[in-house]
């Protein structure tokens, strides 16, 4: 059965349209609270964090109202990276954690990501159970007046998160004298990112740390890494770090100004972890992972498996095969030894830990030659257009043309009204021709 509300990464859409409004968020809170309070008979608690979107001020109170109406006690944390929420959900022994965010999307979108008491994103099975409660009569889920939940604001969420991150590394680990550029995308990591690096002794050049509710991901952050590229060159920094709106993604830049995507970071970590005997099983990538990464891992005799796009699916496959490293080209990287979901700051620390002995970022982070890849996003009114006979025919023609010289992937975006076309081949002319055939059929 197809899901009605949840996509590949929670619920997401344009504010005050469709499902992203106060009325629906009240119902989401009511449904989630009803489901989770029946899973655990001890103290019923939920914790909520958010990014910096203006719409958070309207959606959070509605969500809180729904939760406390079921008898769930709620702690609100304010702006905090997504994995910070996941970590605190687990450490505080809460029934659930909810992150109000639209991740890398522009300010006019918002949504939520749900986590269970283990700090893991919910499975499709649980999401479907919650969906079945969303459209149930509200009166059936309301608690008695004496059993309503209570709400408390916690001001030290970022401090607790930073403390957990630092515990993963030796006490003597420091970044004294190292100049680092960090772009926080005017998002959830705008406090914890610079503060963490400063506490470790780094000289920090901060970008995207002045959120105004409307500038999140606006020509900054991991989807616009040219800002760190420019700043690294200007300030002669050792490394550039670029986060997205909820800080679960990371894109980097070496000291020469070269952009380092998620695939290169994964390859770097896999190589290091194997040498240090920290790698368990192998690496989980996605259907979007570069073919060059697959070939590199094959040469290093590291197992590589692909999952569907979305860090939730990466994590599920990591758990299934008992792997402790996985991620996406976009910068969602899961360090299974330390975290349950993508965490840009945690990944940054792991890379910086490798650089502390004076090695250059350009030497560490460029470990394989990427197969030329083109990604085209086509905005559509109906994503089911890819099932139209004309589109199917075009995709078949393109696949026959590129056979044995590369690969093509055409899929619906799980978070936006777009069809994503990805192609890889050393024959760039052929690759462009194949993508054009598909793009034309969609338009």
Protein backbone atom coordinates (compact mmCIF):
# COMPACT_ATOMS: atom_id res chain seq x y z
CA UNK A 1 0.00 0.00 0.00
CA UNK A 2 1.39 3.39 -1.04
CA UNK A 3 2.03 5.90 1.74
CA UNK A 4 -0.21 8.98 1.79
CA UNK A 5 1.87 11.42 3.83
CA UNK A 6 5.42 10.11 4.28
CA UNK A 7 8.03 10.37 1.51
CA UNK A 8 11.61 9.07 1.35
CA UNK A 9 12.64 11.26 4.30
CA UNK A 10 9.66 12.07 6.48
CA UNK A 11 6.89 14.48 5.51
CA UNK A 12 7.73 17.52 3.42
CA UNK A 13 6.11 20.17 1.24
CA UNK A 14 5.31 23.84 0.78
CA UNK A 15 4.07 25.68 3.87
CA UNK A 16 0.32 26.35 4.05
CA UNK A 17 -0.28 24.10 1.09
CA UNK A 18 -1.27 20.44 1.13
CA UNK A 19 -0.16 18.78 4.37
CA UNK A 20 2.20 21.43 5.73
CA UNK A 21 -0.06 23.56 7.91
CA UNK A 22 -1.07 23.89 11.54
CA UNK A 23 -4.19 21.72 11.26
CA UNK A 24 -2.28 18.79 9.76
CA UNK A 25 0.63 19.13 12.18
CA UNK A 26 -1.82 18.91 15.07
CA UNK A 27 -3.09 15.66 13.56
CA UNK A 28 0.48 14.42 12.96
CA UNK A 29 1.26 15.06 16.64
CA UNK A 30 -1.95 13.37 17.71
CA UNK A 31 -1.27 10.29 15.56
CA UNK A 32 2.42 9.97 16.51
CA UNK A 33 1.64 10.48 20.20
CA UNK A 34 -1.13 7.86 20.10
CA UNK A 35 1.14 5.32 18.42
CA UNK A 36 4.22 5.80 20.59
CA UNK A 37 2.51 6.04 23.97
CA UNK A 38 1.17 2.56 23.37
CA UNK A 39 4.70 1.20 22.76
CA UNK A 40 6.13 2.06 26.16
CA UNK A 41 4.27 2.07 29.46
CA UNK A 42 6.79 4.17 31.39
CA UNK A 43 6.88 7.98 31.33
CA UNK A 44 5.56 9.20 27.96
CA UNK A 45 7.97 11.76 26.46
CA UNK A 46 8.69 13.29 23.06
CA UNK A 47 11.44 15.74 22.19
CA UNK A 48 11.20 18.24 19.37
CA UNK A 49 13.94 20.18 17.57
CA UNK A 50 13.76 22.30 14.44
CA UNK A 51 15.79 24.23 11.91
CA UNK A 52 15.52 28.00 11.45
CA UNK A 53 12.58 28.39 9.05
CA UNK A 54 10.04 31.10 9.85
CA UNK A 55 7.26 28.52 9.49
CA UNK A 56 8.65 26.60 12.46
CA UNK A 57 6.91 29.14 14.70
CA UNK A 58 3.50 28.07 13.36
CA UNK A 59 4.09 24.34 12.90
CA UNK A 60 5.84 23.57 16.21
CA UNK A 61 2.99 24.78 18.49
CA UNK A 62 0.46 22.77 16.46
CA UNK A 63 2.61 19.64 16.67
CA UNK A 64 3.13 20.13 20.42
CA UNK A 65 -0.61 20.60 20.91
CA UNK A 66 -1.33 17.30 19.17
CA UNK A 67 1.24 15.44 21.26
CA UNK A 68 0.17 16.79 24.67
CA UNK A 69 -3.47 16.13 23.74
CA UNK A 70 -2.63 12.41 23.79
CA UNK A 71 -0.96 12.69 27.22
CA UNK A 72 2.59 12.86 25.86
CA UNK A 73 5.05 15.12 27.75
CA UNK A 74 7.10 17.27 25.36
CA UNK A 75 10.56 18.83 25.57
CA UNK A 76 11.32 21.47 22.92
CA UNK A 77 14.98 22.11 22.06
CA UNK A 78 14.86 24.88 19.46
CA UNK A 79 17.34 24.87 16.52
CA UNK A 80 19.49 21.73 16.64
CA UNK A 81 21.03 19.45 13.96
CA UNK A 82 18.95 16.41 13.08
CA UNK A 83 21.43 13.90 14.47
CA UNK A 84 21.62 15.96 17.66
CA UNK A 85 17.91 15.27 18.05
CA UNK A 86 18.42 11.56 17.28
CA UNK A 87 21.25 11.32 19.84
CA UNK A 88 19.26 13.11 22.55
CA UNK A 89 16.14 11.02 21.85
CA UNK A 90 18.20 7.97 22.73
CA UNK A 91 20.21 9.47 25.64
CA UNK A 92 17.09 11.01 27.26
CA UNK A 93 15.21 7.71 26.83
CA UNK A 94 12.32 9.47 25.10
CA UNK A 95 9.55 7.56 23.34
CA UNK A 96 10.16 9.54 20.18
CA UNK A 97 11.97 12.49 18.59
CA UNK A 98 10.60 14.83 15.94
CA UNK A 99 12.71 17.15 13.79
CA UNK A 100 10.80 19.99 12.11
CA UNK A 101 12.75 20.62 8.92
CA UNK A 102 12.77 20.49 5.14
CA UNK A 103 16.51 19.77 5.15
CA UNK A 104 18.17 21.24 2.02
CA UNK A 105 14.92 22.69 0.58
CA UNK A 106 14.29 26.48 0.42
CA UNK A 107 12.62 28.36 3.29
CA UNK A 108 9.07 28.13 1.88
CA UNK A 109 9.10 24.34 2.44
CA UNK A 110 8.95 22.55 5.75
CA UNK A 111 8.18 19.12 7.15
CA UNK A 112 9.18 16.65 9.81
CA UNK A 113 11.38 13.61 10.42
CA UNK A 114 10.41 11.09 13.08
CA UNK A 115 12.76 9.01 15.22
CA UNK A 116 12.04 6.09 17.51
CA UNK A 117 13.45 5.61 21.03
CA UNK A 118 16.55 3.96 19.52
CA UNK A 119 17.38 7.16 17.61
CA UNK A 120 16.57 5.50 14.27
CA UNK A 121 14.28 6.86 11.60
CA UNK A 122 11.00 5.00 11.41
CA UNK A 123 10.50 2.02 9.12
CA UNK A 124 7.91 2.05 6.31
CA UNK A 125 5.82 -0.33 8.41
CA UNK A 126 5.63 2.06 11.40
CA UNK A 127 5.04 5.08 9.14
CA UNK A 128 2.03 3.29 7.63
CA UNK A 129 0.66 2.56 11.10
CA UNK A 130 0.97 6.25 12.04
CA UNK A 131 -0.64 7.25 8.74
CA UNK A 132 -3.65 5.05 9.56
CA UNK A 133 -4.11 7.13 12.74
CA UNK A 134 -3.77 10.55 11.07
CA UNK A 135 -7.21 10.41 9.45
CA UNK A 136 -8.92 8.71 12.43
CA UNK A 137 -11.57 10.68 14.31
CA UNK A 138 -9.75 13.10 16.64
CA UNK A 139 -12.03 12.38 19.62
CA UNK A 140 -10.79 8.77 19.72
CA UNK A 141 -7.20 9.88 20.42
CA UNK A 142 -7.72 12.68 22.96
CA UNK A 143 -6.75 12.04 26.58
CA UNK A 144 -8.83 12.92 29.63
CA UNK A 145 -8.31 16.50 30.94
CA UNK A 146 -6.32 15.32 33.98
CA UNK A 147 -4.01 13.22 31.77
CA UNK A 148 -2.83 15.93 29.37
CA UNK A 149 0.91 16.16 28.76
CA UNK A 150 3.18 19.00 29.87
CA UNK A 151 5.65 21.07 27.83
CA UNK A 152 9.11 22.22 28.84
CA UNK A 153 11.76 24.14 26.90
CA UNK A 154 15.36 22.88 27.22
CA UNK A 155 17.99 25.52 26.47
CA UNK A 156 21.07 23.27 26.56
CA UNK A 157 20.33 20.95 23.61
CA UNK A 158 23.33 22.13 21.56
CA UNK A 159 25.69 21.80 24.54
CA UNK A 160 24.52 18.23 25.18
CA UNK A 161 24.92 17.36 21.51
CA UNK A 162 28.47 18.80 21.35
CA UNK A 163 29.39 16.86 24.49
CA UNK A 164 28.22 13.59 22.90
CA UNK A 165 30.17 14.32 19.69
CA UNK A 166 33.41 15.06 21.58
CA UNK A 167 33.13 11.83 23.58
CA UNK A 168 33.70 9.87 20.35
CA UNK A 169 37.28 11.14 20.13
CA UNK A 170 40.33 11.06 22.45
CA UNK A 171 40.40 13.78 25.11
CA UNK A 172 43.63 15.18 23.70
CA UNK A 173 42.16 15.66 20.19
CA UNK A 174 42.39 19.33 19.27
CA UNK A 175 42.51 21.57 16.22
CA UNK A 176 44.82 24.27 17.58
CA UNK A 177 46.12 26.58 14.88
CA UNK A 178 44.06 24.93 12.10
CA UNK A 179 42.08 27.41 10.02
CA UNK A 180 38.67 26.06 8.97
CA UNK A 181 35.83 27.59 6.98
CA UNK A 182 32.34 26.40 7.93
CA UNK A 183 29.10 27.28 6.14
CA UNK A 184 26.06 26.43 8.29
CA UNK A 185 23.49 27.32 5.59
CA UNK A 186 21.74 29.68 8.04
CA UNK A 187 20.22 26.50 9.39
CA UNK A 188 20.06 24.19 12.40
CA UNK A 189 23.84 23.92 12.83
CA UNK A 190 24.48 27.67 13.06
CA UNK A 191 25.23 27.49 16.79
CA UNK A 192 26.77 24.04 17.28
CA UNK A 193 29.00 24.05 14.17
CA UNK A 194 31.26 27.05 14.91
CA UNK A 195 31.10 26.43 18.66
CA UNK A 196 32.31 22.82 18.35
CA UNK A 197 35.28 23.78 16.15
CA UNK A 198 36.19 26.72 18.39
CA UNK A 199 36.11 24.54 21.52
CA UNK A 200 38.61 22.24 19.81
CA UNK A 201 40.93 25.21 19.24
CA UNK A 202 40.41 25.83 15.52
CA UNK A 203 40.54 29.26 13.89
CA UNK A 204 36.99 29.40 12.53
CA UNK A 205 35.71 31.46 9.60
CA UNK A 206 31.92 31.20 9.81
CA UNK A 207 29.43 31.63 6.96
CA UNK A 208 25.66 31.19 7.08
CA UNK A 209 25.30 31.78 10.81
CA UNK A 210 22.79 34.63 10.72
CA UNK A 211 19.41 32.99 10.11
CA UNK A 212 16.42 35.30 9.63
CA UNK A 213 13.80 32.66 8.93
CA UNK A 214 13.96 33.17 5.17
CA UNK A 215 17.64 32.72 4.23
CA UNK A 216 18.11 29.04 5.07
CA UNK A 217 19.92 27.26 2.16
CA UNK A 218 19.72 30.49 0.15
CA UNK A 219 22.89 30.50 -2.01
CA UNK A 220 24.77 28.87 0.84
CA UNK A 221 25.29 25.47 2.44
CA UNK A 222 25.89 22.05 0.91
CA UNK A 223 23.76 22.74 -2.17
CA UNK A 224 25.83 25.86 -2.91
CA UNK A 225 29.42 24.94 -1.90
CA UNK A 226 30.98 27.73 -3.98
CA UNK A 227 30.90 29.93 -0.88
CA UNK A 228 33.34 27.71 1.04
CA UNK A 229 35.41 27.31 -2.13
CA UNK A 230 35.85 31.09 -2.35
CA UNK A 231 36.39 31.56 1.41
CA UNK A 232 38.97 28.76 1.69
CA UNK A 233 41.08 30.38 -1.02
CA UNK A 234 40.65 33.87 0.43
CA UNK A 235 41.59 32.91 4.01
CA UNK A 236 44.10 30.19 3.02
CA UNK A 237 42.22 27.70 5.18
CA UNK A 238 43.08 24.03 5.58
CA UNK A 239 39.53 22.83 4.89
CA UNK A 240 36.02 23.99 4.06
CA UNK A 241 32.90 22.43 5.57
CA UNK A 242 29.43 23.03 4.15
CA UNK A 243 26.29 21.81 5.94
CA UNK A 244 22.67 21.82 4.80
CA UNK A 245 19.61 23.27 6.57
CA UNK A 246 19.36 20.55 9.23
CA UNK A 247 23.10 19.74 9.25
CA UNK A 248 22.71 16.06 8.34
CA UNK A 249 24.63 16.57 5.07
CA UNK A 250 28.21 17.63 4.47
CA UNK A 251 30.12 18.74 1.38
CA UNK A 252 33.78 19.72 1.76
CA UNK A 253 36.44 21.72 0.00
CA UNK A 254 40.19 21.05 0.12
CA UNK A 255 42.87 23.74 0.60
CA UNK A 256 43.13 24.17 -3.19
CA UNK A 257 39.43 24.96 -3.51
CA UNK A 258 38.33 21.63 -4.97
CA UNK A 259 34.80 20.56 -3.97
CA UNK A 260 34.68 17.16 -2.25
CA UNK A 261 31.32 15.37 -2.45
CA UNK A 262 29.88 12.59 -0.32
CA UNK A 263 31.28 9.79 -2.47
CA UNK A 264 34.88 11.01 -2.03
CA UNK A 265 34.35 11.42 1.72
CA UNK A 266 32.94 7.87 1.95
CA UNK A 267 35.90 6.50 -0.03
CA UNK A 268 38.34 8.32 2.28
CA UNK A 269 36.66 6.97 5.41
CA UNK A 270 36.37 3.42 4.02
CA UNK A 271 40.08 3.37 3.16
CA UNK A 272 41.11 4.71 6.58
CA UNK A 273 38.71 2.54 8.56
CA UNK A 274 39.87 -0.60 6.73
CA UNK A 275 43.52 0.23 7.48
CA UNK A 276 42.65 0.85 11.15
CA UNK A 277 40.50 -2.32 11.24
CA UNK A 278 37.46 -0.19 12.13
CA UNK A 279 35.42 -1.05 9.02
CA UNK A 280 32.76 -3.67 9.60
CA UNK A 281 31.35 -5.56 6.61
CA UNK A 282 31.75 -2.94 3.92
CA UNK A 283 30.03 0.15 2.50
CA UNK A 284 26.40 0.86 1.59
CA UNK A 285 25.91 3.41 -1.17
CA UNK A 286 22.78 4.24 -3.18
CA UNK A 287 21.58 4.01 -6.74
CA UNK A 288 23.11 7.50 -7.16
CA UNK A 289 26.60 6.61 -5.90
CA UNK A 290 29.30 7.23 -8.50
CA UNK A 291 30.50 4.23 -10.49
CA UNK A 292 34.06 5.34 -9.74
CA UNK A 293 33.41 4.82 -6.02
CA UNK A 294 32.21 1.28 -6.68
CA UNK A 295 35.34 0.49 -8.72
CA UNK A 296 37.65 2.04 -6.09
CA UNK A 297 36.13 -0.06 -3.29
CA UNK A 298 36.39 -3.15 -5.49
CA UNK A 299 40.13 -2.53 -5.94
CA UNK A 300 40.49 -2.12 -2.17
CA UNK A 301 38.58 -5.40 -1.67
CA UNK A 302 35.85 -3.61 0.24
CA UNK A 303 32.29 -4.89 -0.23
CA UNK A 304 29.90 -2.37 -1.78
CA UNK A 305 26.11 -2.61 -1.94
CA UNK A 306 23.55 -0.11 -3.23
CA UNK A 307 20.27 0.85 -1.54
CA UNK A 308 17.38 3.04 -2.65
CA UNK A 309 18.00 6.79 -2.43
CA UNK A 310 17.51 8.20 1.08
CA UNK A 311 19.70 7.85 4.17
CA UNK A 312 16.91 5.92 5.91
CA UNK A 313 17.23 3.17 3.30
CA UNK A 314 21.02 3.28 3.60
CA UNK A 315 20.72 2.78 7.37
CA UNK A 316 18.22 -0.08 6.96
CA UNK A 317 20.61 -1.90 4.63
CA UNK A 318 23.57 -1.21 6.94
CA UNK A 319 21.61 -2.80 9.76
CA UNK A 320 20.54 -5.76 7.62
CA UNK A 321 24.10 -6.62 6.51
CA UNK A 322 25.84 -5.42 9.69
CA UNK A 323 27.90 -2.74 7.88
CA UNK A 324 29.04 0.36 9.79
CA UNK A 325 29.61 2.85 6.95
CA UNK A 326 27.21 4.14 4.33
CA UNK A 327 25.93 7.24 2.65
CA UNK A 328 25.04 9.29 -0.37
CA UNK A 329 26.83 11.46 -2.87
CA UNK A 330 24.78 14.42 -1.62
CA UNK A 331 26.63 14.25 1.71
CA UNK A 332 24.32 12.16 3.88
CA UNK A 333 26.92 9.93 5.53
CA UNK A 334 26.19 7.53 8.37
CA UNK A 335 29.03 6.52 10.67
CA UNK A 336 27.42 3.44 12.20
CA UNK A 337 30.11 3.23 14.85
CA UNK A 338 28.91 6.56 16.29
CA UNK A 339 25.47 7.54 14.92
CA UNK A 340 22.09 6.33 13.69
CA UNK A 341 21.61 8.91 10.94
CA UNK A 342 23.58 11.37 8.80
CA UNK A 343 25.58 13.97 10.73
CA UNK A 344 27.64 16.62 8.94
CA UNK A 345 29.55 17.72 12.04
CA UNK A 346 30.40 14.18 13.13
CA UNK A 347 31.76 13.38 9.65
CA UNK A 348 33.73 16.65 9.68
CA UNK A 349 35.35 15.67 13.00
CA UNK A 350 36.27 12.24 11.67
CA UNK A 351 37.98 13.82 8.64
CA UNK A 352 39.68 16.48 10.78
CA UNK A 353 40.94 13.77 13.12
CA UNK A 354 42.74 12.28 10.09
CA UNK A 355 44.20 15.69 9.16
CA UNK A 356 45.50 16.60 12.61
CA UNK A 357 49.02 15.31 11.88
CA UNK A 358 49.65 17.88 9.17
CA UNK A 359 48.35 15.99 6.13
CA UNK A 360 46.80 18.15 3.40
CA UNK A 361 43.11 17.82 2.62
CA UNK A 362 43.89 17.52 -1.09
CA UNK A 363 46.05 14.45 -0.37
CA UNK A 364 43.52 12.82 1.94
CA UNK A 365 40.23 13.51 0.19
CA UNK A 366 40.87 12.79 -3.50
CA UNK A 367 41.19 9.02 -3.48
CA UNK A 368 39.47 7.94 -6.71
CA UNK A 369 38.71 9.27 -10.18
CA UNK A 370 35.03 9.94 -10.56
CA UNK A 371 33.16 8.70 -13.62
CA UNK A 372 31.63 11.77 -15.33
CA UNK A 373 28.10 12.13 -14.02
CA UNK A 374 25.25 14.39 -15.11
CA UNK A 375 22.22 15.02 -12.95
CA UNK A 376 19.19 16.80 -14.39
CA UNK A 377 16.09 17.74 -12.38
CA UNK A 378 12.86 18.27 -14.33
CA UNK A 379 10.07 20.10 -12.50
CA UNK A 380 6.72 18.38 -13.11
CA UNK A 381 3.10 18.73 -11.99
CA UNK A 382 2.66 14.96 -11.70
CA UNK A 383 5.63 12.73 -10.89
CA UNK A 384 3.77 9.71 -12.31
CA UNK A 385 4.55 11.06 -15.78
CA UNK A 386 7.54 8.69 -15.88
CA UNK A 387 5.02 5.83 -16.19
CA UNK A 388 3.57 7.34 -19.38
CA UNK A 389 4.19 5.10 -22.46
CA UNK A 390 6.16 7.87 -24.23
CA UNK A 391 8.49 8.29 -21.23
CA UNK A 392 8.95 4.55 -20.84
CA UNK A 393 9.82 4.27 -24.52
CA UNK A 394 12.36 7.14 -24.31
CA UNK A 395 14.01 5.60 -21.22
CA UNK A 396 14.30 2.25 -23.03
CA UNK A 397 15.83 3.90 -26.13
CA UNK A 398 18.36 5.82 -23.98
CA UNK A 399 19.33 2.70 -22.00
CA UNK A 400 19.93 0.76 -25.21
CA UNK A 401 22.17 3.56 -26.52
CA UNK A 402 24.36 3.76 -23.40
CA UNK A 403 24.50 0.02 -22.73
CA UNK A 404 28.00 -1.19 -21.70
CA UNK A 405 29.31 2.40 -21.78
CA UNK A 406 27.60 3.72 -18.69
CA UNK A 407 24.35 3.72 -16.77
CA UNK A 408 21.15 5.77 -16.42
CA UNK A 409 18.77 6.23 -13.51
CA UNK A 410 15.39 7.95 -13.79
CA UNK A 411 13.39 8.36 -10.59
CA UNK A 412 10.82 10.48 -8.82
CA UNK A 413 12.15 12.85 -6.16
CA UNK A 414 10.96 11.78 -2.73
CA UNK A 415 10.88 15.35 -1.42
CA UNK A 416 10.17 17.71 -4.35
CA UNK A 417 7.90 17.87 -7.46
CA UNK A 418 10.75 16.75 -9.71
CA UNK A 419 11.89 13.86 -11.87
CA UNK A 420 15.60 13.22 -11.36
CA UNK A 421 17.65 11.94 -14.32
CA UNK A 422 21.16 10.71 -13.55
CA UNK A 423 23.64 9.38 -16.09
CA UNK A 424 27.25 8.18 -15.87
CA UNK A 425 29.69 7.49 -18.69
CA UNK A 426 33.17 8.39 -19.86
CA UNK A 427 31.51 9.18 -23.22
CA UNK A 428 30.14 12.61 -22.32
CA UNK A 429 28.62 13.29 -25.74
CA UNK A 430 26.63 10.05 -25.66
CA UNK A 431 25.62 10.72 -22.05
CA UNK A 432 24.21 14.17 -22.91
CA UNK A 433 22.32 12.71 -25.87
CA UNK A 434 20.69 9.99 -23.72
CA UNK A 435 19.66 12.45 -21.00
CA UNK A 436 18.23 14.82 -23.61
CA UNK A 437 16.06 12.01 -25.04
CA UNK A 438 14.54 11.32 -21.61
CA UNK A 439 14.21 14.99 -20.62
CA UNK A 440 12.43 15.81 -23.88
CA UNK A 441 9.90 13.01 -23.35
CA UNK A 442 9.10 14.29 -19.82
CA UNK A 443 8.71 17.91 -20.91
